[in-house]
Amino acid sequence: MKQWFIIETEKEYKEATARFEEIRESVKGSPEYKEKLLLVHLVSEYEKKQWSLPEVDPVEMIKIRMEDFGYTAADLAREYGDKGTVSKVLNYKQALSLTMIRKFSKLLRIPADALTKEYKLRA
């Protein structure tokens, strides 16, 4: 098992997130589970330092992170399960649901509270 330290570079960040994805489903109490908890902390701290979130509405935040990760609306629809609803949300026709906030927060690594801010829908 690799020994982890404070993440200081983009390369280290990518290694840590890749390893997290490998052990995401690890069993509680296993060495991989403990490693996963450590990686969550290290990645979170690095992200806080690197990406202070801009003051934008939740939909714009989702769009920015989609671009960062190379995701499309179809990728979000696969995660959420309903392409029509995702399209409405991205076009400001429908508000984010709690389920969407949870799923998109995890997928796009956006703090859930950043997705709960009020924003205006368009007619």
Protein backbone atom coordinates (compact mmCIF):
# COMPACT_ATOMS: atom_id res chain seq x y z
CA MET A 1 0.00 0.00 0.00
CA LYS A 2 1.30 3.44 -0.96
CA GLN A 3 2.11 5.84 1.85
CA TRP A 4 0.11 9.06 1.45
CA PHE A 5 1.21 12.56 2.37
CA ILE A 6 -0.34 16.01 2.07
CA ILE A 7 -1.24 16.57 -1.58
CA GLU A 8 0.74 19.44 -3.05
CA THR A 9 0.65 18.93 -6.83
CA GLU A 10 -1.90 18.19 -9.53
CA LYS A 11 -0.06 14.91 -10.23
CA GLU A 12 -0.43 13.81 -6.60
CA TYR A 13 -4.08 14.89 -6.67
CA LYS A 14 -4.76 12.76 -9.75
CA GLU A 15 -3.01 9.76 -8.17
CA ALA A 16 -5.06 10.15 -4.98
CA THR A 17 -8.41 10.50 -6.77
CA ALA A 18 -7.60 7.53 -9.03
CA ARG A 19 -6.75 5.41 -5.99
CA PHE A 20 -9.92 6.57 -4.24
CA GLU A 21 -11.98 5.39 -7.22
CA GLU A 22 -10.27 1.97 -7.03
CA ILE A 23 -11.12 1.50 -3.34
CA ARG A 24 -14.40 3.43 -3.17
CA GLU A 25 -16.43 0.30 -2.29
CA SER A 26 -14.00 -1.04 0.33
CA VAL A 27 -15.39 -2.82 3.38
CA LYS A 28 -15.52 -0.88 6.66
CA GLY A 29 -12.65 -1.89 8.93
CA SER A 30 -10.39 -3.05 6.09
CA PRO A 31 -7.01 -1.39 5.41
CA GLU A 32 -8.45 -0.09 2.11
CA TYR A 33 -11.35 1.51 3.99
CA LYS A 34 -8.93 3.37 6.26
CA GLU A 35 -6.91 4.40 3.20
CA LYS A 36 -10.12 5.63 1.57
CA LEU A 37 -10.95 7.81 4.59
CA LEU A 38 -7.46 9.29 4.53
CA LEU A 39 -7.71 9.99 0.79
CA VAL A 40 -11.06 11.73 1.24
CA HIS A 41 -9.46 14.04 3.78
CA LEU A 42 -6.31 14.71 1.74
CA VAL A 43 -8.23 15.33 -1.49
CA SER A 44 -10.73 17.56 0.27
CA GLU A 45 -7.98 19.70 1.80
CA TYR A 46 -6.20 20.02 -1.55
CA GLU A 47 -9.43 20.99 -3.31
CA LYS A 48 -10.20 23.64 -0.69
CA LYS A 49 -6.80 25.25 -1.26
CA GLN A 50 -6.86 24.93 -5.04
CA TRP A 51 -10.42 25.78 -5.89
CA SER A 52 -12.05 28.40 -3.84
CA LEU A 53 -15.50 28.19 -5.39
CA PRO A 54 -16.55 31.21 -7.44
CA GLU A 55 -19.72 33.05 -6.44
CA VAL A 56 -22.02 31.60 -9.05
CA ASP A 57 -25.43 30.00 -8.88
CA PRO A 58 -25.69 26.21 -8.44
CA VAL A 59 -26.48 25.50 -12.11
CA GLU A 60 -23.47 27.52 -13.26
CA MET A 61 -21.34 25.69 -10.68
CA ILE A 62 -22.51 22.36 -12.13
CA LYS A 63 -21.67 23.53 -15.66
CA ILE A 64 -18.19 24.68 -14.58
CA ARG A 65 -17.44 21.34 -12.92
CA MET A 66 -18.86 19.42 -15.89
CA GLU A 67 -16.33 21.26 -18.04
CA ASP A 68 -13.53 20.61 -15.50
CA PHE A 69 -14.19 16.86 -15.61
CA GLY A 70 -15.19 16.64 -19.29
CA TYR A 71 -18.73 15.51 -18.48
CA THR A 72 -21.78 16.07 -20.69
CA ALA A 73 -25.45 16.39 -19.81
CA ALA A 74 -25.76 12.72 -20.81
CA ASP A 75 -23.21 11.79 -18.10
CA LEU A 76 -25.29 13.63 -15.50
CA ALA A 77 -28.45 11.97 -16.80
CA ARG A 78 -26.81 8.54 -16.42
CA GLU A 79 -25.97 9.40 -12.79
CA TYR A 80 -29.42 10.83 -12.05
CA GLY A 81 -31.48 8.56 -14.30
CA ASP A 82 -33.62 11.12 -16.16
CA LYS A 83 -32.28 13.03 -19.15
CA GLY A 84 -35.30 15.34 -19.45
CA THR A 85 -35.08 16.55 -15.88
CA VAL A 86 -31.32 17.14 -16.13
CA SER A 87 -31.89 19.18 -19.29
CA LYS A 88 -34.58 21.29 -17.59
CA VAL A 89 -32.28 21.96 -14.62
CA LEU A 90 -29.31 22.93 -16.83
CA ASN A 91 -31.59 25.32 -18.73
CA TYR A 92 -33.00 26.90 -15.54
CA LYS A 93 -36.49 25.49 -16.21
CA GLN A 94 -36.60 23.30 -13.09
CA ALA A 95 -34.95 23.53 -9.66
CA LEU A 96 -32.43 21.00 -8.41
CA SER A 97 -33.99 18.25 -6.29
CA LEU A 98 -32.39 16.96 -3.11
CA THR A 99 -31.54 13.70 -4.90
CA MET A 100 -29.84 15.64 -7.71
CA ILE A 101 -27.89 17.72 -5.21
CA ARG A 102 -26.62 14.58 -3.48
CA LYS A 103 -25.68 12.78 -6.71
CA PHE A 104 -24.14 15.79 -8.47
CA SER A 105 -22.24 16.83 -5.34
CA LYS A 106 -20.56 13.43 -5.26
CA LEU A 107 -20.04 13.11 -9.03
CA LEU A 108 -18.74 16.65 -9.57
CA ARG A 109 -17.02 17.02 -6.18
CA ILE A 110 -18.98 20.12 -5.28
CA PRO A 111 -19.89 20.70 -1.62
CA ALA A 112 -23.63 20.06 -1.30
CA ASP A 113 -24.16 23.42 0.39
CA ALA A 114 -22.88 25.16 -2.77
CA LEU A 115 -25.76 23.50 -4.65
CA THR A 116 -28.46 24.57 -2.20
CA LYS A 117 -28.13 28.31 -2.81
CA GLU A 118 -31.22 30.01 -4.18
CA TYR A 119 -31.30 30.93 -7.86
CA LYS A 120 -33.88 32.16 -10.33
CA LEU A 121 -35.63 29.88 -12.80
CA ARG A 122 -36.45 31.08 -16.29
CA ALA A 123 -39.93 30.97 -17.74
